[in-house]
Amino acid sequence: MSSRVCATHIAALAALLFLVPPAPFIRGQEARFHSSPWRSRATVVVPFELINGEIVMRLSLNGAAPANFLLDSGSGPSQFDRRAIATAHLKTVSVGNTKEITPAGTLPLTLAANGFRLTYGRSEIVHGSAFVTDLSTFEQALGIPLAGIVGFDYMQQCPILLDYRARTITIFKDRKVRYRGPGIAVPVETAQPSGELLHVPVVVARLELNDRSQVSARLEIDTGSNHALTLHAPFLRQHDLARHEAVQGPAAAPIFSETFGGVRYQLERGQISAVEIGGLKIPDPEALYAKNPAGVSASDQTDGELGSQFLSQFRIFFDIPRHLIVFEQRAGPESPQVAQ
C-alpha cells in the first residue's frame, strides 16, 4: 500500500533489518540505529501468498505463533500492530511525532518497539526496531488479520529476489550477491530533485500516451499496491492530462471509488499505449487516475506508482544497496550468482 513519510527524523528508523541490538530510545530525542553484518550468512527463502495483490508472509514475532506480515515497498517505515506487540510482550516507547501519508490521509506514528525478532521457521529474517500503530484499517482493506508491515527500510538493506510466479522471496544476506541473467537493470532514485531523501524506491519511466505523445514520470515501485499503474493528481494537473483523451483509451471507465480507513478516494480507470522503464516496454497497461485532493494520490513526491498487476509479470531483483532494480521476463538462473 503506497505511503509517504513526512518527517525529517525518519532516517533514524531507516534500518529495520540487519541491526545490532538497538540502543534504547531516548524520550524526546531521535532514535538512532547502526547497521551491522548479518548474524548468519545463509540465504533465506520465504514463501508468500498473494492476497488482493498484497504480498503476505507468515512470520513469527519473538517466538509467537506465525502471523500475517506484508512486504510493502511502498511503506517507508516498517510498522507492527499494537496487538501483535502485546502478544510478543514487547514494550513500546515514545518517538515523537513522525507522520506517514496513506491513501486515507496522514497517519501519526508516535510509538516504537525495540528488540523484536522476526523469524521464518528457524531462520531469522530481521531484528531491531519498528514503529507501532493500529493496522485495523489495513486489515479491513485486505480482509485478513495483520500483525505487521515490513517496509522499504527492510528491503534496502540487502539484495532480495521477488518471484511472483514461484511465490517466494529470497533474501541474500551477503551483499556481494549480484544479478547475472537476462533481466533489465533499472536505476533507482534515492533522493528527490531537491536533495531530500526518498524512503520508497522510485524509477524514471516514460509514458507513451494514446496520441503517441510521451511524458516522463517518476514512479514508485510499490509491492503494496494491487493496481498496475496509478498517476497522482498533481502530475495529471501539471501535464494537463486530467481530461486528456490521450490517457483514456479503450479501457476508459467512469470515476469509481475505493475505501481505505473509512475514507473514499476517487480513481478513474483508463489505459495508455505503453510504459517504458530502462529498456523494458510494456504495452497497453491499465492506468488509474487519482482525483481526490488528499492522501497519497495528492502527493507530489512522486508522480505515481507501479503496483502488483504490473510487477507480477516479472521476477524482480531488488539491489537497492547498488541503486538498481532488475526486471526479468524470461526464465533465468534459479538464483543470482555471487560476484567474484
Protein backbone atom coordinates (compact mmCIF):
# COMPACT_ATOMS: atom_id res chain seq x y z
CA MET A 1 0.00 0.00 0.00
CA SER A 2 1.53 3.19 -1.12
CA SER A 3 2.54 5.59 1.59
CA ARG A 4 4.79 8.55 2.19
CA VAL A 5 6.72 9.60 5.28
CA CYS A 6 6.86 13.29 6.06
CA ALA A 7 9.31 13.69 8.93
CA THR A 8 12.94 14.76 8.91
CA HIS A 9 13.93 12.22 11.54
CA ILE A 10 12.59 9.15 9.73
CA ALA A 11 16.14 8.29 8.63
CA ALA A 12 16.81 7.41 12.23
CA LEU A 13 14.45 4.48 11.87
CA ALA A 14 15.55 3.58 8.34
CA ALA A 15 17.30 0.29 9.16
CA LEU A 16 14.77 -2.32 10.15
CA LEU A 17 16.91 -5.23 9.02
CA PHE A 18 20.32 -6.43 9.98
CA LEU A 19 20.83 -4.25 13.01
CA VAL A 20 22.88 -4.73 16.11
CA PRO A 21 20.65 -4.93 19.19
CA PRO A 22 19.43 -1.35 19.08
CA ALA A 23 20.27 1.35 21.52
CA PRO A 24 17.29 2.30 23.68
CA PHE A 25 15.03 5.08 22.57
CA ILE A 26 15.50 8.29 24.49
CA ARG A 27 12.27 10.11 25.09
CA GLY A 28 12.15 13.40 23.24
CA GLN A 29 15.19 12.60 21.08
CA GLU A 30 15.68 10.91 17.76
CA ALA A 31 16.03 7.13 17.74
CA ARG A 32 19.32 6.12 16.13
CA PHE A 33 20.37 2.73 14.85
CA HIS A 34 23.53 1.33 13.34
CA SER A 35 23.67 -1.40 10.74
CA SER A 36 25.89 -4.42 11.26
CA PRO A 37 26.73 -7.64 9.38
CA TRP A 38 24.16 -10.40 9.33
CA ARG A 39 24.27 -12.78 12.25
CA SER A 40 24.13 -15.61 9.71
CA ARG A 41 25.44 -15.62 6.13
CA ALA A 42 22.78 -18.06 4.90
CA THR A 43 20.29 -17.26 2.19
CA VAL A 44 16.67 -17.38 3.38
CA VAL A 45 13.74 -18.30 1.13
CA VAL A 46 10.33 -17.21 2.44
CA PRO A 47 7.09 -18.30 0.70
CA PHE A 48 4.23 -15.86 0.40
CA GLU A 49 0.59 -15.68 -0.63
CA LEU A 50 -0.73 -13.03 -2.98
CA ILE A 51 -3.94 -11.73 -1.40
CA ASN A 52 -5.75 -8.94 -3.20
CA GLY A 53 -2.44 -8.07 -4.85
CA GLU A 54 -0.61 -7.87 -1.50
CA ILE A 55 2.44 -10.00 -0.58
CA VAL A 56 1.57 -11.78 2.67
CA MET A 57 4.23 -13.72 4.60
CA ARG A 58 3.70 -15.95 7.64
CA LEU A 59 6.36 -14.95 10.17
CA SER A 60 6.85 -15.33 13.90
CA LEU A 61 7.37 -12.26 16.08
CA ASN A 62 9.59 -13.02 19.09
CA GLY A 63 8.58 -16.66 19.16
CA ALA A 64 4.81 -16.09 18.96
CA ALA A 65 2.65 -18.16 16.62
CA PRO A 66 3.14 -17.33 12.93
CA ALA A 67 1.09 -14.35 11.79
CA ASN A 68 0.49 -12.34 8.63
CA PHE A 69 3.07 -9.71 7.64
CA LEU A 70 3.00 -7.67 4.43
CA LEU A 71 6.07 -6.97 2.32
CA ASP A 72 5.35 -3.44 1.14
CA SER A 73 7.99 -1.40 -0.67
CA GLY A 74 5.51 1.49 -0.70
CA SER A 75 5.68 1.76 3.09
CA GLY A 76 8.86 3.58 4.04
CA PRO A 77 8.96 2.61 7.73
CA SER A 78 8.05 -0.85 8.94
CA GLN A 79 5.07 -0.98 11.30
CA PHE A 80 3.71 -3.57 13.72
CA ASP A 81 0.21 -3.74 15.08
CA ARG A 82 -0.25 -2.92 18.78
CA ARG A 83 -1.94 -6.28 19.42
CA ALA A 84 0.99 -8.20 17.92
CA ILE A 85 3.42 -6.21 20.06
CA ALA A 86 1.41 -7.02 23.19
CA THR A 87 1.26 -10.72 22.30
CA ALA A 88 5.04 -10.75 21.84
CA HIS A 89 5.47 -8.97 25.22
CA LEU A 90 7.41 -6.10 23.69
CA LYS A 91 7.39 -2.68 25.29
CA THR A 92 6.62 0.49 23.36
CA VAL A 93 8.35 3.83 23.73
CA SER A 94 7.51 7.33 22.52
CA VAL A 95 9.42 8.56 19.47
CA GLY A 96 7.93 11.99 18.92
CA ASN A 97 5.52 12.57 16.04
CA THR A 98 6.52 11.05 12.71
CA LYS A 99 3.78 11.06 10.10
CA GLU A 100 3.05 8.73 7.19
CA ILE A 101 0.79 9.68 4.31
CA THR A 102 -1.63 6.87 3.40
CA PRO A 103 -4.49 6.71 0.87
CA ALA A 104 -6.81 7.87 3.64
CA GLY A 105 -4.64 10.77 4.75
CA THR A 106 -1.94 11.28 7.37
CA LEU A 107 -1.24 8.52 9.88
CA PRO A 108 0.66 9.58 13.03
CA LEU A 109 3.48 7.29 14.15
CA THR A 110 4.35 8.11 17.75
CA LEU A 111 5.35 4.75 19.25
CA ALA A 112 8.07 2.21 18.51
CA ALA A 113 9.17 -1.18 19.81
CA ASN A 114 12.76 -2.22 20.42
CA GLY A 115 14.27 -5.67 20.45
CA PHE A 116 11.88 -7.52 18.17
CA ARG A 117 12.89 -10.58 16.15
CA LEU A 118 11.04 -11.84 13.07
CA THR A 119 11.68 -15.44 12.01
CA TYR A 120 10.57 -17.90 9.37
CA GLY A 121 10.96 -21.36 10.84
CA ARG A 122 14.38 -21.33 12.45
CA SER A 123 15.74 -18.60 10.19
CA GLU A 124 15.92 -15.05 11.42
CA ILE A 125 14.54 -12.60 8.91
CA VAL A 126 15.00 -9.32 10.75
CA HIS A 127 15.66 -7.94 14.21
CA GLY A 128 15.72 -4.42 15.58
CA SER A 129 13.09 -1.68 15.99
CA ALA A 130 9.90 -0.66 14.22
CA PHE A 131 7.00 1.72 14.58
CA VAL A 132 3.90 0.54 16.44
CA THR A 133 0.44 1.52 15.25
CA ASP A 134 -3.12 0.32 14.69
CA LEU A 135 -3.32 -1.73 11.48
CA SER A 136 -7.05 -2.44 11.62
CA THR A 137 -7.58 -0.18 8.59
CA PHE A 138 -5.25 -2.37 6.54
CA GLU A 139 -6.97 -5.49 7.88
CA GLN A 140 -10.32 -4.21 6.67
CA ALA A 141 -8.89 -3.46 3.24
CA LEU A 142 -7.34 -6.95 2.93
CA GLY A 143 -9.94 -8.98 4.79
CA ILE A 144 -7.33 -10.86 6.86
CA PRO A 145 -5.72 -10.38 10.30
CA LEU A 146 -2.47 -8.44 10.03
CA ALA A 147 0.40 -8.32 12.51
CA GLY A 148 2.75 -6.01 10.68
CA ILE A 149 4.10 -4.37 7.54
CA VAL A 150 7.72 -4.94 6.57
CA GLY A 151 8.61 -1.82 4.63
CA PHE A 152 11.29 -0.37 2.41
CA ASP A 153 13.60 0.22 5.37
CA TYR A 154 13.95 -3.58 5.31
CA MET A 155 14.23 -4.00 1.56
CA GLN A 156 17.06 -1.54 1.09
CA GLN A 157 19.45 -3.40 3.37
CA CYS A 158 20.46 -6.29 1.08
CA PRO A 159 19.63 -7.93 -2.27
CA ILE A 160 16.17 -9.52 -2.43
CA LEU A 161 14.67 -11.63 -5.22
CA LEU A 162 10.89 -11.40 -5.50
CA ASP A 163 9.45 -14.22 -7.62
CA TYR A 164 5.72 -13.76 -8.15
CA ARG A 165 5.32 -16.99 -10.14
CA ALA A 166 7.03 -19.17 -7.52
CA ARG A 167 5.50 -17.10 -4.69
CA THR A 168 8.87 -16.82 -2.93
CA ILE A 169 11.06 -14.07 -1.51
CA THR A 170 14.78 -14.91 -1.48
CA ILE A 171 16.84 -12.82 0.92
CA PHE A 172 20.57 -12.73 0.19
CA LYS A 173 22.35 -11.89 3.40
CA ASP A 174 25.64 -11.44 1.56
CA ARG A 175 25.77 -8.07 -0.14
CA LYS A 176 28.29 -9.44 -2.66
CA VAL A 177 25.45 -11.19 -4.44
CA ARG A 178 24.77 -9.62 -7.82
CA TYR A 179 22.26 -10.41 -10.50
CA ARG A 180 23.56 -12.22 -13.60
CA GLY A 181 20.82 -13.09 -16.03
CA PRO A 182 18.64 -11.86 -18.89
CA GLY A 183 16.85 -9.18 -16.88
CA ILE A 184 16.91 -5.43 -17.42
CA ALA A 185 18.56 -3.32 -14.71
CA VAL A 186 16.84 -0.01 -13.96
CA PRO A 187 18.43 2.71 -11.80
CA VAL A 188 16.62 3.56 -8.58
CA GLU A 189 16.40 7.10 -7.29
CA THR A 190 17.40 7.64 -3.67
CA ALA A 191 16.67 11.36 -3.40
CA GLN A 192 14.26 13.99 -4.64
CA PRO A 193 15.50 16.54 -7.19
CA SER A 194 15.57 18.91 -4.19
CA GLY A 195 18.05 16.59 -2.43
CA GLU A 196 15.50 15.32 0.13
CA LEU A 197 15.97 11.61 0.81
CA LEU A 198 13.37 9.21 -0.51
CA HIS A 199 12.00 6.40 1.67
CA VAL A 200 10.48 4.39 -1.18
CA PRO A 201 12.08 3.02 -4.41
CA VAL A 202 11.50 5.32 -7.40
CA VAL A 203 12.33 4.81 -11.07
CA VAL A 204 12.07 7.17 -14.01
CA ALA A 205 9.59 5.93 -16.61
CA ARG A 206 8.46 7.12 -19.99
CA LEU A 207 4.73 7.03 -20.58
CA GLU A 208 3.52 6.72 -24.16
CA LEU A 209 0.04 8.17 -24.39
CA ASN A 210 -2.65 7.10 -26.80
CA ASP A 211 -1.98 10.02 -29.15
CA ARG A 212 1.67 8.83 -29.29
CA SER A 213 2.92 11.76 -27.30
CA GLN A 214 5.30 10.93 -24.45
CA VAL A 215 5.84 12.21 -20.95
CA SER A 216 8.40 11.35 -18.28
CA ALA A 217 7.19 10.23 -14.84
CA ARG A 218 8.89 9.35 -11.55
CA LEU A 219 7.08 6.20 -10.41
CA GLU A 220 7.30 4.37 -7.12
CA ILE A 221 7.79 0.60 -7.24
CA ASP A 222 5.02 -0.35 -4.84
CA THR A 223 4.60 -4.03 -3.98
CA GLY A 224 1.74 -2.96 -1.70
CA SER A 225 -0.46 -1.59 -4.50
CA ASN A 226 -2.84 -4.02 -6.20
CA HIS A 227 -3.13 -1.88 -9.34
CA ALA A 228 -0.92 -1.73 -12.44
CA LEU A 229 -0.23 1.99 -12.88
CA THR A 230 -1.62 4.85 -10.80
CA LEU A 231 -0.97 8.50 -11.62
CA HIS A 232 -1.25 11.20 -8.95
CA ALA A 233 -3.48 14.25 -9.21
CA PRO A 234 -0.62 16.84 -9.23
CA PHE A 235 1.06 15.01 -12.14
CA LEU A 236 -2.20 14.99 -14.10
CA ARG A 237 -2.67 18.71 -13.49
CA GLN A 238 0.96 19.53 -14.33
CA HIS A 239 0.71 17.89 -17.75
CA ASP A 240 -2.94 18.80 -18.35
CA LEU A 241 -3.88 15.13 -18.52
CA ALA A 242 -6.90 15.09 -16.24
CA ARG A 243 -9.36 15.18 -19.17
CA HIS A 244 -6.92 14.40 -21.95
CA GLU A 245 -8.15 11.78 -24.41
CA ALA A 246 -4.54 10.60 -24.66
CA VAL A 247 -4.87 8.85 -21.29
CA GLN A 248 -8.32 7.36 -21.77
CA GLY A 249 -8.06 4.66 -24.41
CA PRO A 250 -10.39 1.71 -24.98
CA ALA A 251 -10.39 0.74 -21.29
CA ALA A 252 -11.71 4.09 -20.13
CA ALA A 253 -14.34 3.90 -17.40
CA PRO A 254 -16.22 6.39 -15.24
CA ILE A 255 -14.79 7.56 -11.94
CA PHE A 256 -15.10 4.97 -9.18
CA SER A 257 -14.18 4.98 -5.52
CA GLU A 258 -12.20 2.75 -3.19
CA THR A 259 -12.45 2.87 0.57
CA PHE A 260 -9.45 2.93 2.86
CA GLY A 261 -9.80 3.60 6.55
CA GLY A 262 -13.36 4.77 6.09
CA VAL A 263 -12.26 7.37 3.54
CA ARG A 264 -13.38 7.04 -0.07
CA TYR A 265 -10.93 8.18 -2.67
CA GLN A 266 -11.69 8.63 -6.34
CA LEU A 267 -9.96 6.87 -9.21
CA GLU A 268 -10.71 6.93 -12.91
CA ARG A 269 -9.78 3.85 -14.92
CA GLY A 270 -8.19 4.28 -18.33
CA GLN A 271 -5.35 2.98 -20.46
CA ILE A 272 -2.22 4.28 -22.14
CA SER A 273 -0.22 2.90 -25.08
CA ALA A 274 2.85 1.83 -23.12
CA VAL A 275 5.05 2.36 -20.08
CA GLU A 276 8.81 2.06 -20.50
CA ILE A 277 11.43 1.81 -17.76
CA GLY A 278 15.01 1.30 -18.81
CA GLY A 279 14.81 -0.79 -21.96
CA LEU A 280 11.67 -2.54 -20.76
CA LYS A 281 8.48 -1.57 -22.59
CA ILE A 282 5.07 -2.90 -21.54
CA PRO A 283 2.20 -2.19 -23.98
CA ASP A 284 -1.34 -1.18 -23.09
CA PRO A 285 -1.18 -1.06 -19.28
CA GLU A 286 -4.33 -0.19 -17.41
CA ALA A 287 -3.90 3.15 -15.70
CA LEU A 288 -5.77 4.69 -12.78
CA TYR A 289 -6.00 8.45 -12.49
CA ALA A 290 -6.33 9.77 -8.97
CA LYS A 291 -8.86 12.54 -8.47
CA ASN A 292 -9.07 13.08 -4.73
CA PRO A 293 -7.31 16.04 -3.10
CA ALA A 294 -5.81 14.27 -0.06
CA GLY A 295 -3.63 11.30 0.84
CA VAL A 296 -1.03 9.60 -1.34
CA SER A 297 -2.82 10.39 -4.60
CA ALA A 298 -2.41 14.11 -3.87
CA SER A 299 1.33 13.75 -3.19
CA ASP A 300 3.86 15.39 -5.48
CA GLN A 301 6.84 13.50 -4.02
CA THR A 302 6.37 11.05 -6.90
CA ASP A 303 4.15 11.05 -9.96
CA GLY A 304 2.50 7.70 -9.33
CA GLU A 305 3.03 4.00 -8.62
CA LEU A 306 3.67 0.77 -10.45
CA GLY A 307 1.81 -1.89 -8.46
CA SER A 308 1.44 -5.66 -8.33
CA GLN A 309 -0.62 -6.01 -11.53
CA PHE A 310 2.42 -4.64 -13.36
CA LEU A 311 5.16 -6.10 -11.15
CA SER A 312 3.77 -9.65 -11.08
CA GLN A 313 4.76 -10.10 -14.74
CA PHE A 314 8.39 -10.36 -13.64
CA ARG A 315 10.91 -11.81 -11.29
CA ILE A 316 12.29 -8.72 -9.58
CA PHE A 317 15.75 -8.43 -8.08
CA PHE A 318 15.89 -5.53 -5.61
CA ASP A 319 19.54 -4.47 -5.37
CA ILE A 320 18.92 -1.24 -3.52
CA PRO A 321 22.46 -1.12 -2.00
CA ARG A 322 23.65 -0.64 -5.61
CA HIS A 323 20.67 1.58 -6.53
CA LEU A 324 19.26 -0.94 -9.03
CA ILE A 325 16.12 -2.98 -9.60
CA VAL A 326 16.29 -5.78 -12.18
CA PHE A 327 13.15 -6.89 -14.05
CA GLU A 328 13.33 -10.36 -15.55
CA GLN A 329 10.67 -11.56 -18.00
CA ARG A 330 12.27 -14.77 -19.23
CA ALA A 331 13.32 -17.76 -17.17
CA GLY A 332 16.71 -17.02 -15.68
CA PRO A 333 19.08 -18.68 -13.25
CA GLU A 334 17.49 -20.14 -10.16
CA SER A 335 19.29 -17.54 -8.11
CA PRO A 336 21.74 -14.71 -8.81
CA GLN A 337 25.39 -15.63 -8.56
CA VAL A 338 27.84 -14.17 -6.08
CA ALA A 339 30.20 -11.75 -7.77
CA GLN A 340 33.82 -12.85 -7.73
